[in-house]
Amino acid sequence: KSIYDKIEFYIPHRFSEGYGVSQKGIQYAIDE
C-alpha cells in the first residue's frame, strides 16, 4: 500500500467460511 493503491485485503469469516482459502473469498475476487 505504501507504493501502490489498487490493493485490498480479505479475511475469511471463521463461522461462515472456515479456515483457509474459501469459495466465497475466490468468488469475491472474481466479482471485484
Full PDB file with SEQRES, HELIX, SHEET, SSBOND, CRYST1, ORIGX, SCALE, CONECT and MASTER records, all heavy atoms in Angstrom:
SEQRES   1 A   32  LYS SER ILE TYR ASP LYS ILE GLU PHE TYR ILE PRO HIS          
SEQRES   2 A   32  ARG PHE SER GLU GLY TYR GLY VAL SER GLN LYS GLY ILE          
SEQRES   3 A   32  GLN TYR ALA ILE ASP GLU                                      
HELIX    1 AA1 GLN A   23  ASP A   31  1                                   9    
CRYST1    1.000    1.000    1.000  90.00  90.00  90.00 P 1           1          
ORIGX1      1.000000  0.000000  0.000000        0.00000                         
ORIGX2      0.000000  1.000000  0.000000        0.00000                         
ORIGX3      0.000000  0.000000  1.000000        0.00000                         
SCALE1      1.000000  0.000000  0.000000        0.00000                         
SCALE2      0.000000  1.000000  0.000000        0.00000                         
SCALE3      0.000000  0.000000  1.000000        0.00000                         
ATOM      1  N   LYS A   1       0.830  -1.199   0.000  1.00  0.00           N  
ATOM      2  CA  LYS A   1       0.000   0.000   0.000  1.00  0.00           C  
ATOM      3  C   LYS A   1       0.872   1.260   0.000  1.00  0.00           C  
ATOM      4  O   LYS A   1       0.453   2.313  -0.489  1.00  0.00           O  
ATOM      5  CB  LYS A   1      -0.921  -0.009   1.228  1.00  0.00           C  
ATOM      6  CG  LYS A   1      -1.993   1.072   1.223  1.00  0.00           C  
ATOM      7  CD  LYS A   1      -3.039   0.826   0.144  1.00  0.00           C  
ATOM      8  CE  LYS A   1      -4.160   1.835   0.232  1.00  0.00           C  
ATOM      9  NZ  LYS A   1      -5.141   1.663  -0.858  1.00  0.00           N  
ATOM     10  N   SER A   2       2.082   1.145   0.529  1.00  0.00           N  
ATOM     11  CA  SER A   2       2.981   2.311   0.558  1.00  0.00           C  
ATOM     12  C   SER A   2       3.510   2.667  -0.825  1.00  0.00           C  
ATOM     13  O   SER A   2       4.016   3.768  -1.034  1.00  0.00           O  
ATOM     14  CB  SER A   2       4.155   2.041   1.512  1.00  0.00           C  
ATOM     15  OG  SER A   2       5.057   1.090   0.968  1.00  0.00           O  
ATOM     16  N   ILE A   3       3.384   1.725  -1.782  1.00  0.00           N  
ATOM     17  CA  ILE A   3       3.893   2.001  -3.131  1.00  0.00           C  
ATOM     18  C   ILE A   3       2.821   1.847  -4.220  1.00  0.00           C  
ATOM     19  O   ILE A   3       3.068   2.173  -5.378  1.00  0.00           O  
ATOM     20  CB  ILE A   3       5.080   1.067  -3.479  1.00  0.00           C  
ATOM     21  CG1 ILE A   3       4.682  -0.410  -3.395  1.00  0.00           C  
ATOM     22  CG2 ILE A   3       6.271   1.351  -2.583  1.00  0.00           C  
ATOM     23  CD1 ILE A   3       5.734  -1.384  -3.911  1.00  0.00           C  
ATOM     24  N   TYR A   4       1.607   1.369  -3.828  1.00  0.00           N  
ATOM     25  CA  TYR A   4       0.601   1.038  -4.849  1.00  0.00           C  
ATOM     26  C   TYR A   4      -0.787   1.130  -4.233  1.00  0.00           C  
ATOM     27  O   TYR A   4      -1.011   0.703  -3.100  1.00  0.00           O  
ATOM     28  CB  TYR A   4       0.863  -0.380  -5.363  1.00  0.00           C  
ATOM     29  CG  TYR A   4      -0.014  -0.817  -6.515  1.00  0.00           C  
ATOM     30  CD1 TYR A   4       0.021  -0.151  -7.732  1.00  0.00           C  
ATOM     31  CD2 TYR A   4      -0.860  -1.919  -6.390  1.00  0.00           C  
ATOM     32  CE1 TYR A   4      -0.782  -0.559  -8.787  1.00  0.00           C  
ATOM     33  CE2 TYR A   4      -1.651  -2.344  -7.442  1.00  0.00           C  
ATOM     34  CZ  TYR A   4      -1.621  -1.661  -8.644  1.00  0.00           C  
ATOM     35  OH  TYR A   4      -2.407  -2.073  -9.691  1.00  0.00           O  
ATOM     36  N   ASP A   5      -1.747   1.672  -4.998  1.00  0.00           N  
ATOM     37  CA  ASP A   5      -3.086   1.934  -4.459  1.00  0.00           C  
ATOM     38  C   ASP A   5      -4.117   0.828  -4.673  1.00  0.00           C  
ATOM     39  O   ASP A   5      -4.999   0.638  -3.835  1.00  0.00           O  
ATOM     40  CB  ASP A   5      -3.652   3.230  -5.060  1.00  0.00           C  
ATOM     41  CG  ASP A   5      -3.171   4.454  -4.307  1.00  0.00           C  
ATOM     42  OD1 ASP A   5      -2.761   4.292  -3.144  1.00  0.00           O  
ATOM     43  OD2 ASP A   5      -3.173   5.549  -4.886  1.00  0.00           O  
ATOM     44  N   LYS A   6      -4.019   0.102  -5.790  1.00  0.00           N  
ATOM     45  CA  LYS A   6      -5.100  -0.835  -6.144  1.00  0.00           C  
ATOM     46  C   LYS A   6      -4.892  -2.184  -5.454  1.00  0.00           C  
ATOM     47  O   LYS A   6      -4.637  -3.202  -6.069  1.00  0.00           O  
ATOM     48  CB  LYS A   6      -5.198  -0.990  -7.660  1.00  0.00           C  
ATOM     49  CG  LYS A   6      -5.656   0.287  -8.348  1.00  0.00           C  
ATOM     50  CD  LYS A   6      -5.822   0.120  -9.840  1.00  0.00           C  
ATOM     51  CE  LYS A   6      -7.067  -0.661 -10.189  1.00  0.00           C  
ATOM     52  NZ  LYS A   6      -7.329  -0.641 -11.659  1.00  0.00           N  
ATOM     53  N   ILE A   7      -4.999  -2.123  -4.139  1.00  0.00           N  
ATOM     54  CA  ILE A   7      -4.748  -3.308  -3.333  1.00  0.00           C  
ATOM     55  C   ILE A   7      -5.739  -3.335  -2.173  1.00  0.00           C  
ATOM     56  O   ILE A   7      -6.073  -2.295  -1.615  1.00  0.00           O  
ATOM     57  CB  ILE A   7      -3.286  -3.308  -2.837  1.00  0.00           C  
ATOM     58  CG1 ILE A   7      -2.950  -4.586  -2.101  1.00  0.00           C  
ATOM     59  CG2 ILE A   7      -2.972  -2.094  -1.979  1.00  0.00           C  
ATOM     60  CD1 ILE A   7      -1.454  -4.795  -1.942  1.00  0.00           C  
ATOM     61  N   GLU A   8      -6.246  -4.504  -1.863  1.00  0.00           N  
ATOM     62  CA  GLU A   8      -7.155  -4.659  -0.732  1.00  0.00           C  
ATOM     63  C   GLU A   8      -6.888  -5.992  -0.048  1.00  0.00           C  
ATOM     64  O   GLU A   8      -6.089  -6.789  -0.534  1.00  0.00           O  
ATOM     65  CB  GLU A   8      -8.613  -4.534  -1.181  1.00  0.00           C  
ATOM     66  CG  GLU A   8      -9.033  -5.469  -2.293  1.00  0.00           C  
ATOM     67  CD  GLU A   8     -10.452  -5.161  -2.761  1.00  0.00           C  
ATOM     68  OE1 GLU A   8     -11.391  -5.464  -1.997  1.00  0.00           O  
ATOM     69  OE2 GLU A   8     -10.613  -4.633  -3.872  1.00  0.00           O  
ATOM     70  N   PHE A   9      -7.554  -6.212   1.083  1.00  0.00           N  
ATOM     71  CA  PHE A   9      -7.323  -7.470   1.802  1.00  0.00           C  
ATOM     72  C   PHE A   9      -8.629  -8.197   2.063  1.00  0.00           C  
ATOM     73  O   PHE A   9      -9.713  -7.605   2.029  1.00  0.00           O  
ATOM     74  CB  PHE A   9      -6.562  -7.228   3.113  1.00  0.00           C  
ATOM     75  CG  PHE A   9      -7.365  -6.523   4.189  1.00  0.00           C  
ATOM     76  CD1 PHE A   9      -8.158  -7.248   5.064  1.00  0.00           C  
ATOM     77  CD2 PHE A   9      -7.297  -5.143   4.336  1.00  0.00           C  
ATOM     78  CE1 PHE A   9      -8.894  -6.612   6.060  1.00  0.00           C  
ATOM     79  CE2 PHE A   9      -8.022  -4.498   5.319  1.00  0.00           C  
ATOM     80  CZ  PHE A   9      -8.824  -5.242   6.192  1.00  0.00           C  
ATOM     81  N   TYR A  10      -8.507  -9.491   2.310  1.00  0.00           N  
ATOM     82  CA  TYR A  10      -9.676 -10.333   2.586  1.00  0.00           C  
ATOM     83  C   TYR A  10      -9.327 -11.310   3.706  1.00  0.00           C  
ATOM     84  O   TYR A  10      -8.300 -11.987   3.642  1.00  0.00           O  
ATOM     85  CB  TYR A  10     -10.074 -11.117   1.330  1.00  0.00           C  
ATOM     86  CG  TYR A  10     -11.395 -11.844   1.449  1.00  0.00           C  
ATOM     87  CD1 TYR A  10     -12.565 -11.274   0.953  1.00  0.00           C  
ATOM     88  CD2 TYR A  10     -11.484 -13.097   2.057  1.00  0.00           C  
ATOM     89  CE1 TYR A  10     -13.788 -11.920   1.067  1.00  0.00           C  
ATOM     90  CE2 TYR A  10     -12.704 -13.751   2.181  1.00  0.00           C  
ATOM     91  CZ  TYR A  10     -13.847 -13.159   1.675  1.00  0.00           C  
ATOM     92  OH  TYR A  10     -15.058 -13.799   1.789  1.00  0.00           O  
ATOM     93  N   ILE A  11     -10.193 -11.356   4.715  1.00  0.00           N  
ATOM     94  CA  ILE A  11     -10.063 -12.322   5.813  1.00  0.00           C  
ATOM     95  C   ILE A  11     -11.344 -13.146   5.856  1.00  0.00           C  
ATOM     96  O   ILE A  11     -12.433 -12.581   5.987  1.00  0.00           O  
ATOM     97  CB  ILE A  11      -9.871 -11.613   7.176  1.00  0.00           C  
ATOM     98  CG1 ILE A  11      -8.658 -10.685   7.158  1.00  0.00           C  
ATOM     99  CG2 ILE A  11      -9.764 -12.651   8.299  1.00  0.00           C  
ATOM    100  CD1 ILE A  11      -7.323 -11.368   7.142  1.00  0.00           C  
ATOM    101  N   PRO A  12     -11.271 -14.469   5.717  1.00  0.00           N  
ATOM    102  CA  PRO A  12     -12.495 -15.279   5.767  1.00  0.00           C  
ATOM    103  C   PRO A  12     -13.123 -15.221   7.157  1.00  0.00           C  
ATOM    104  O   PRO A  12     -12.410 -15.096   8.164  1.00  0.00           O  
ATOM    105  CB  PRO A  12     -12.007 -16.694   5.436  1.00  0.00           C  
ATOM    106  CG  PRO A  12     -10.560 -16.700   5.829  1.00  0.00           C  
ATOM    107  CD  PRO A  12     -10.056 -15.306   5.575  1.00  0.00           C  
ATOM    108  N   HIS A  13     -14.441 -15.325   7.207  1.00  0.00           N  
ATOM    109  CA  HIS A  13     -15.145 -15.330   8.486  1.00  0.00           C  
ATOM    110  C   HIS A  13     -15.093 -16.733   9.076  1.00  0.00           C  
ATOM    111  O   HIS A  13     -15.406 -17.719   8.404  1.00  0.00           O  
ATOM    112  CB  HIS A  13     -16.602 -14.886   8.299  1.00  0.00           C  
ATOM    113  CG  HIS A  13     -17.270 -14.509   9.583  1.00  0.00           C  
ATOM    114  ND1 HIS A  13     -17.763 -15.447  10.462  1.00  0.00           N  
ATOM    115  CD2 HIS A  13     -17.510 -13.291  10.149  1.00  0.00           C  
ATOM    116  CE1 HIS A  13     -18.293 -14.834  11.507  1.00  0.00           C  
ATOM    117  NE2 HIS A  13     -18.149 -13.524  11.341  1.00  0.00           N  
ATOM    118  N   ARG A  14     -14.682 -16.814  10.330  1.00  0.00           N  
ATOM    119  CA  ARG A  14     -14.479 -18.113  10.980  1.00  0.00           C  
ATOM    120  C   ARG A  14     -15.705 -19.025  10.886  1.00  0.00           C  
ATOM    121  O   ARG A  14     -15.595 -20.215  10.599  1.00  0.00           O  
ATOM    122  CB  ARG A  14     -14.129 -17.877  12.457  1.00  0.00           C  
ATOM    123  CG  ARG A  14     -13.915 -19.139  13.266  1.00  0.00           C  
ATOM    124  CD  ARG A  14     -13.772 -18.791  14.750  1.00  0.00           C  
ATOM    125  NE  ARG A  14     -13.535 -19.971  15.545  1.00  0.00           N  
ATOM    126  CZ  ARG A  14     -12.341 -20.419  15.885  1.00  0.00           C  
ATOM    127  NH1 ARG A  14     -11.262 -19.777  15.500  1.00  0.00           N  
ATOM    128  NH2 ARG A  14     -12.204 -21.501  16.633  1.00  0.00           N  
ATOM    129  N   PHE A  15     -16.902 -18.459  11.111  1.00  0.00           N  
ATOM    130  CA  PHE A  15     -18.111 -19.290  11.208  1.00  0.00           C  
ATOM    131  C   PHE A  15     -18.746 -19.573   9.857  1.00  0.00           C  
ATOM    132  O   PHE A  15     -19.215 -20.675   9.603  1.00  0.00           O  
ATOM    133  CB  PHE A  15     -19.116 -18.635  12.163  1.00  0.00           C  
ATOM    134  CG  PHE A  15     -18.558 -18.423  13.539  1.00  0.00           C  
ATOM    135  CD1 PHE A  15     -18.305 -17.151  14.016  1.00  0.00           C  
ATOM    136  CD2 PHE A  15     -18.236 -19.507  14.350  1.00  0.00           C  
ATOM    137  CE1 PHE A  15     -17.761 -16.948  15.275  1.00  0.00           C  
ATOM    138  CE2 PHE A  15     -17.693 -19.321  15.617  1.00  0.00           C  
ATOM    139  CZ  PHE A  15     -17.455 -18.039  16.083  1.00  0.00           C  
ATOM    140  N   SER A  16     -18.773 -18.594   8.968  1.00  0.00           N  
ATOM    141  CA  SER A  16     -19.453 -18.801   7.684  1.00  0.00           C  
ATOM    142  C   SER A  16     -18.544 -19.352   6.589  1.00  0.00           C  
ATOM    143  O   SER A  16     -19.023 -19.915   5.604  1.00  0.00           O  
ATOM    144  CB  SER A  16     -20.093 -17.488   7.206  1.00  0.00           C  
ATOM    145  OG  SER A  16     -19.109 -16.498   7.002  1.00  0.00           O  
ATOM    146  N   GLU A  17     -17.218 -19.195   6.743  1.00  0.00           N  
ATOM    147  CA  GLU A  17     -16.295 -19.653   5.697  1.00  0.00           C  
ATOM    148  C   GLU A  17     -15.294 -20.690   6.166  1.00  0.00           C  
ATOM    149  O   GLU A  17     -14.841 -21.520   5.391  1.00  0.00           O  
ATOM    150  CB  GLU A  17     -15.532 -18.449   5.117  1.00  0.00           C  
ATOM    151  CG  GLU A  17     -16.420 -17.477   4.371  1.00  0.00           C  
ATOM    152  CD  GLU A  17     -15.656 -16.243   3.947  1.00  0.00           C  
ATOM    153  OE1 GLU A  17     -14.863 -16.314   2.993  1.00  0.00           O  
ATOM    154  OE2 GLU A  17     -15.844 -15.188   4.597  1.00  0.00           O  
ATOM    155  N   GLY A  18     -14.906 -20.621   7.438  1.00  0.00           N  
ATOM    156  CA  GLY A  18     -13.940 -21.579   7.956  1.00  0.00           C  
ATOM    157  C   GLY A  18     -12.510 -21.209   7.612  1.00  0.00           C  
ATOM    158  O   GLY A  18     -12.220 -20.141   7.080  1.00  0.00           O  
ATOM    159  N   TYR A  19     -11.618 -22.159   7.906  1.00  0.00           N  
ATOM    160  CA  TYR A  19     -10.183 -21.911   7.786  1.00  0.00           C  
ATOM    161  C   TYR A  19      -9.721 -21.867   6.335  1.00  0.00           C  
ATOM    162  O   TYR A  19     -10.207 -22.622   5.491  1.00  0.00           O  
ATOM    163  CB  TYR A  19      -9.420 -23.024   8.534  1.00  0.00           C  
ATOM    164  CG  TYR A  19      -7.938 -22.977   8.330  1.00  0.00           C  
ATOM    165  CD1 TYR A  19      -7.147 -22.083   9.056  1.00  0.00           C  
ATOM    166  CD2 TYR A  19      -7.311 -23.784   7.387  1.00  0.00           C  
ATOM    167  CE1 TYR A  19      -5.783 -22.007   8.852  1.00  0.00           C  
ATOM    168  CE2 TYR A  19      -5.938 -23.722   7.182  1.00  0.00           C  
ATOM    169  CZ  TYR A  19      -5.194 -22.833   7.920  1.00  0.00           C  
ATOM    170  OH  TYR A  19      -3.846 -22.763   7.706  1.00  0.00           O  
ATOM    171  N   GLY A  20      -8.749 -21.005   6.048  1.00  0.00           N  
ATOM    172  CA  GLY A  20      -8.048 -21.033   4.768  1.00  0.00           C  
ATOM    173  C   GLY A  20      -8.813 -20.389   3.625  1.00  0.00           C  
ATOM    174  O   GLY A  20      -9.773 -19.646   3.816  1.00  0.00           O  
ATOM    175  N   VAL A  21      -8.363 -20.697   2.409  1.00  0.00           N  
ATOM    176  CA  VAL A  21      -8.978 -20.130   1.199  1.00  0.00           C  
ATOM    177  C   VAL A  21     -10.408 -20.662   1.087  1.00  0.00           C  
ATOM    178  O   VAL A  21     -10.651 -21.866   1.216  1.00  0.00           O  
ATOM    179  CB  VAL A  21      -8.167 -20.501  -0.055  1.00  0.00           C  
ATOM    180  CG1 VAL A  21      -8.834 -19.958  -1.311  1.00  0.00           C  
ATOM    181  CG2 VAL A  21      -6.730 -19.974   0.069  1.00  0.00           C  
ATOM    182  N   SER A  22     -11.364 -19.776   0.840  1.00  0.00           N  
ATOM    183  CA  SER A  22     -12.773 -20.165   0.784  1.00  0.00           C  
ATOM    184  C   SER A  22     -13.363 -19.904  -0.596  1.00  0.00           C  
ATOM    185  O   SER A  22     -12.869 -19.062  -1.353  1.00  0.00           O  
ATOM    186  CB  SER A  22     -13.577 -19.394   1.836  1.00  0.00           C  
ATOM    187  OG  SER A  22     -13.665 -18.014   1.481  1.00  0.00           O  
ATOM    188  N   GLN A  23     -14.432 -20.607  -0.884  1.00  0.00           N  
ATOM    189  CA  GLN A  23     -15.180 -20.384  -2.128  1.00  0.00           C  
ATOM    190  C   GLN A  23     -15.675 -18.941  -2.197  1.00  0.00           C  
ATOM    191  O   GLN A  23     -15.585 -18.279  -3.228  1.00  0.00           O  
ATOM    192  CB  GLN A  23     -16.379 -21.352  -2.183  1.00  0.00           C  
ATOM    193  CG  GLN A  23     -17.265 -21.202  -3.413  1.00  0.00           C  
ATOM    194  CD  GLN A  23     -16.728 -21.927  -4.630  1.00  0.00           C  
ATOM    195  OE1 GLN A  23     -16.089 -22.958  -4.490  1.00  0.00           O  
ATOM    196  NE2 GLN A  23     -16.978 -21.396  -5.812  1.00  0.00           N  
ATOM    197  N   LYS A  24     -16.170 -18.457  -1.063  1.00  0.00           N  
ATOM    198  CA  LYS A  24     -16.688 -17.084  -1.006  1.00  0.00           C  
ATOM    199  C   LYS A  24     -15.576 -16.071  -1.292  1.00  0.00           C  
ATOM    200  O   LYS A  24     -15.796 -15.068  -1.975  1.00  0.00           O  
ATOM    201  CB  LYS A  24     -17.299 -16.836   0.372  1.00  0.00           C  
ATOM    202  CG  LYS A  24     -17.992 -15.490   0.514  1.00  0.00           C  
ATOM    203  CD  LYS A  24     -18.634 -15.362   1.892  1.00  0.00           C  
ATOM    204  CE  LYS A  24     -19.249 -13.984   2.080  1.00  0.00           C  
ATOM    205  NZ  LYS A  24     -19.810 -13.813   3.438  1.00  0.00           N  
ATOM    206  N   GLY A  25     -14.381 -16.347  -0.777  1.00  0.00           N  
ATOM    207  CA  GLY A  25     -13.259 -15.444  -0.998  1.00  0.00           C  
ATOM    208  C   GLY A  25     -12.843 -15.378  -2.455  1.00  0.00           C  
ATOM    209  O   GLY A  25     -12.575 -14.299  -2.994  1.00  0.00           O  
ATOM    210  N   ILE A  26     -12.794 -16.545  -3.106  1.00  0.00           N  
ATOM    211  CA  ILE A  26     -12.449 -16.577  -4.537  1.00  0.00           C  
ATOM    212  C   ILE A  26     -13.542 -15.891  -5.354  1.00  0.00           C  
ATOM    213  O   ILE A  26     -13.241 -15.142  -6.298  1.00  0.00           O  
ATOM    214  CB  ILE A  26     -12.235 -18.026  -5.031  1.00  0.00           C  
ATOM    215  CG1 ILE A  26     -11.064 -18.687  -4.270  1.00  0.00           C  
ATOM    216  CG2 ILE A  26     -11.969 -18.049  -6.527  1.00  0.00           C  
ATOM    217  CD1 ILE A  26      -9.725 -18.041  -4.471  1.00  0.00           C  
ATOM    218  N   GLN A  27     -14.793 -16.138  -4.977  1.00  0.00           N  
ATOM    219  CA  GLN A  27     -15.898 -15.502  -5.705  1.00  0.00           C  
ATOM    220  C   GLN A  27     -15.842 -13.982  -5.562  1.00  0.00           C  
ATOM    221  O   GLN A  27     -16.117 -13.247  -6.521  1.00  0.00           O  
ATOM    222  CB  GLN A  27     -17.242 -16.033  -5.200  1.00  0.00           C  
ATOM    223  CG  GLN A  27     -18.423 -15.676  -6.095  1.00  0.00           C  
ATOM    224  CD  GLN A  27     -18.252 -16.168  -7.518  1.00  0.00           C  
ATOM    225  OE1 GLN A  27     -18.001 -17.363  -7.737  1.00  0.00           O  
ATOM    226  NE2 GLN A  27     -18.362 -15.277  -8.498  1.00  0.00           N  
ATOM    227  N   TYR A  28     -15.466 -13.522  -4.367  1.00  0.00           N  
ATOM    228  CA  TYR A  28     -15.295 -12.081  -4.147  1.00  0.00           C  
ATOM    229  C   TYR A  28     -14.244 -11.535  -5.115  1.00  0.00           C  
ATOM    230  O   TYR A  28     -14.447 -10.484  -5.737  1.00  0.00           O  
ATOM    231  CB  TYR A  28     -14.876 -11.809  -2.705  1.00  0.00           C  
ATOM    232  CG  TYR A  28     -14.530 -10.358  -2.445  1.00  0.00           C  
ATOM    233  CD1 TYR A  28     -15.521  -9.432  -2.148  1.00  0.00           C  
ATOM    234  CD2 TYR A  28     -13.207  -9.901  -2.519  1.00  0.00           C  
ATOM    235  CE1 TYR A  28     -15.206  -8.089  -1.922  1.00  0.00           C  
ATOM    236  CE2 TYR A  28     -12.891  -8.569  -2.300  1.00  0.00           C  
ATOM    237  CZ  TYR A  28     -13.892  -7.674  -2.003  1.00  0.00           C  
ATOM    238  OH  TYR A  28     -13.596  -6.344  -1.796  1.00  0.00           O  
ATOM    239  N   ALA A  29     -13.140 -12.247  -5.253  1.00  0.00           N  
ATOM    240  CA  ALA A  29     -12.071 -11.800  -6.151  1.00  0.00           C  
ATOM    241  C   ALA A  29     -12.553 -11.739  -7.597  1.00  0.00           C  
ATOM    242  O   ALA A  29     -12.230 -10.805  -8.337  1.00  0.00           O  
ATOM    243  CB  ALA A  29     -10.862 -12.733  -6.027  1.00  0.00           C  
ATOM    244  N   ILE A  30     -13.335 -12.736  -7.999  1.00  0.00           N  
ATOM    245  CA  ILE A  30     -13.888 -12.758  -9.363  1.00  0.00           C  
ATOM    246  C   ILE A  30     -14.819 -11.556  -9.571  1.00  0.00           C  
ATOM    247  O   ILE A  30     -14.710 -10.822 -10.568  1.00  0.00           O  
ATOM    248  CB  ILE A  30     -14.637 -14.084  -9.627  1.00  0.00           C  
ATOM    249  CG1 ILE A  30     -13.657 -15.262  -9.621  1.00  0.00           C  
ATOM    250  CG2 ILE A  30     -15.406 -14.028 -10.953  1.00  0.00           C  
ATOM    251  CD1 ILE A  30     -14.331 -16.624  -9.572  1.00  0.00           C  
ATOM    252  N   ASP A  31     -15.722 -11.352  -8.620  1.00  0.00           N  
ATOM    253  CA  ASP A  31     -16.713 -10.268  -8.730  1.00  0.00           C  
ATOM    254  C   ASP A  31     -16.049  -8.891  -8.736  1.00  0.00           C  
ATOM    255  O   ASP A  31     -16.556  -7.956  -9.361  1.00  0.00           O  
ATOM    256  CB  ASP A  31     -17.718 -10.344  -7.568  1.00  0.00           C  
ATOM    257  CG  ASP A  31     -18.588 -11.592  -7.620  1.00  0.00           C  
ATOM    258  OD1 ASP A  31     -18.655 -12.227  -8.704  1.00  0.00           O  
ATOM    259  OD2 ASP A  31     -19.184 -11.940  -6.590  1.00  0.00           O  
ATOM    260  N   GLU A  32     -14.915  -8.769  -8.066  1.00  0.00           N  
ATOM    261  CA  GLU A  32     -14.238  -7.469  -7.949  1.00  0.00           C  
ATOM    262  C   GLU A  32     -13.145  -7.280  -9.002  1.00  0.00           C  
ATOM    263  O   GLU A  32     -12.366  -6.323  -8.930  1.00  0.00           O  
ATOM    264  CB  GLU A  32     -13.630  -7.322  -6.554  1.00  0.00           C  
ATOM    265  CG  GLU A  32     -14.655  -7.240  -5.432  1.00  0.00           C  
ATOM    266  CD  GLU A  32     -15.531  -6.012  -5.538  1.00  0.00           C  
ATOM    267  OE1 GLU A  32     -14.991  -4.914  -5.783  1.00  0.00           O  
ATOM    268  OE2 GLU A  32     -16.767  -6.151  -5.381  1.00  0.00           O  
TER     269      GLU A  32                                                      
MASTER        0    0    0    1    0    0    0    6  268    1    0    3          
END                                                                             
